Amino acid sequence: MAKQEEDEWGIYCIKGPSGRSLSEALTTGDASLCAFGLTIEEWGLEQVVFVMKENAREMMLCNDPGRLVYWDGHRQWSLEEMQKRLAAKL
């Protein structure tokens, strides 16, 4: 991923196959930033998961075929992975 993109932590919507990386989707224009600057360190894991779930719900209501990932500057996390992290923490 390019340095500029690595600095844009937050929640992204990715279009295309489920195994597709955020880097690839950004390169082809198939990723959009839903929540810029939303970091676990600043907002907390529970808030990040809440925002992801609300965005996923809205996408479902609009029949949006995309999927959400959280980019933490090092790797992407799916909503399911984030929910597991939260459950393990509680």
Protein backbone atom coordinates (compact mmCIF):
# COMPACT_ATOMS: atom_id res chain seq x y z
CA MET A 1 0.00 0.00 0.00
CA ALA A 2 1.24 3.49 -0.72
CA LYS A 3 2.39 5.68 2.17
CA GLN A 4 -0.53 8.08 1.72
CA GLU A 5 -3.03 5.24 2.01
CA GLU A 6 -1.25 3.75 5.02
CA ASP A 7 -1.87 7.00 6.87
CA GLU A 8 -5.63 6.86 6.23
CA TRP A 9 -6.73 4.68 9.11
CA GLY A 10 -10.40 3.93 9.32
CA ILE A 11 -13.25 1.90 7.90
CA TYR A 12 -13.39 1.15 4.18
CA CYS A 13 -16.01 -0.42 1.93
CA ILE A 14 -14.51 -2.80 -0.63
CA LYS A 15 -16.32 -3.92 -3.77
CA GLY A 16 -15.51 -7.23 -5.45
CA PRO A 17 -14.48 -10.73 -4.30
CA SER A 18 -14.30 -11.38 -0.56
CA GLY A 19 -10.60 -12.28 -0.63
CA ARG A 20 -9.63 -8.97 -2.20
CA SER A 21 -7.17 -6.81 -0.32
CA LEU A 22 -7.72 -3.17 0.51
CA SER A 23 -4.54 -2.29 -1.37
CA GLU A 24 -5.81 -3.93 -4.55
CA ALA A 25 -9.26 -2.35 -4.21
CA LEU A 26 -7.75 1.11 -3.69
CA THR A 27 -5.58 0.68 -6.77
CA THR A 28 -8.58 -0.15 -8.96
CA GLY A 29 -10.89 2.44 -7.39
CA ASP A 30 -13.12 -0.19 -5.78
CA ALA A 31 -12.68 0.97 -2.18
CA SER A 32 -14.17 3.96 -0.44
CA LEU A 33 -13.42 5.40 2.97
CA CYS A 34 -16.47 5.28 5.27
CA ALA A 35 -14.96 6.58 8.51
CA PHE A 36 -11.64 8.44 8.20
CA GLY A 37 -9.28 8.60 11.17
CA LEU A 38 -11.27 6.22 13.34
CA THR A 39 -8.56 4.57 15.43
CA ILE A 40 -8.91 2.05 18.22
CA GLU A 41 -6.37 3.99 20.28
CA GLU A 42 -8.44 7.17 20.14
CA TRP A 43 -12.02 5.85 20.06
CA GLY A 44 -11.75 2.36 21.56
CA LEU A 45 -12.43 -1.05 20.09
CA GLU A 46 -16.10 -1.03 21.12
CA GLN A 47 -16.79 2.23 19.26
CA VAL A 48 -14.98 1.08 16.12
CA VAL A 49 -17.00 -2.16 16.06
CA PHE A 50 -20.22 -0.19 16.64
CA VAL A 51 -19.49 2.11 13.67
CA MET A 52 -18.64 -0.88 11.47
CA LYS A 53 -21.87 -2.65 12.43
CA GLU A 54 -23.96 0.46 11.74
CA ASN A 55 -22.31 0.94 8.34
CA ALA A 56 -22.86 -2.75 7.52
CA ARG A 57 -26.53 -2.41 8.47
CA GLU A 58 -26.96 0.63 6.21
CA MET A 59 -25.21 -1.19 3.37
CA MET A 60 -27.57 -4.14 3.78
CA LEU A 61 -30.61 -1.85 3.73
CA CYS A 62 -29.35 -0.28 0.49
CA ASN A 63 -28.48 -3.67 -1.03
CA ASP A 64 -24.84 -2.58 -1.31
CA PRO A 65 -22.74 -5.65 -2.23
CA GLY A 66 -19.55 -4.27 -0.67
CA ARG A 67 -17.91 -5.46 2.53
CA LEU A 68 -16.33 -3.45 5.32
CA VAL A 69 -12.78 -3.63 6.59
CA TYR A 70 -10.94 -1.69 9.26
CA TRP A 71 -7.42 -0.57 8.29
CA ASP A 72 -5.17 0.01 11.32
CA GLY A 73 -2.08 1.13 9.42
CA HIS A 74 -0.65 -2.39 9.31
CA ARG A 75 -3.38 -4.80 8.23
CA GLN A 76 -7.05 -4.98 7.38
CA TRP A 77 -9.64 -6.48 9.73
CA SER A 78 -13.08 -7.72 8.71
CA LEU A 79 -16.16 -6.92 10.78
CA GLU A 80 -16.20 -10.54 12.00
CA GLU A 81 -12.57 -10.33 13.11
CA MET A 82 -13.24 -7.06 14.94
CA GLN A 83 -16.28 -8.57 16.71
CA LYS A 84 -14.13 -11.53 17.83
CA ARG A 85 -11.49 -9.13 19.18
CA LEU A 86 -14.17 -7.25 21.10
CA ALA A 87 -15.73 -10.44 22.49
CA ALA A 88 -12.32 -11.65 23.69
CA LYS A 89 -11.74 -8.31 25.41
CA LEU A 90 -15.09 -8.28 27.27
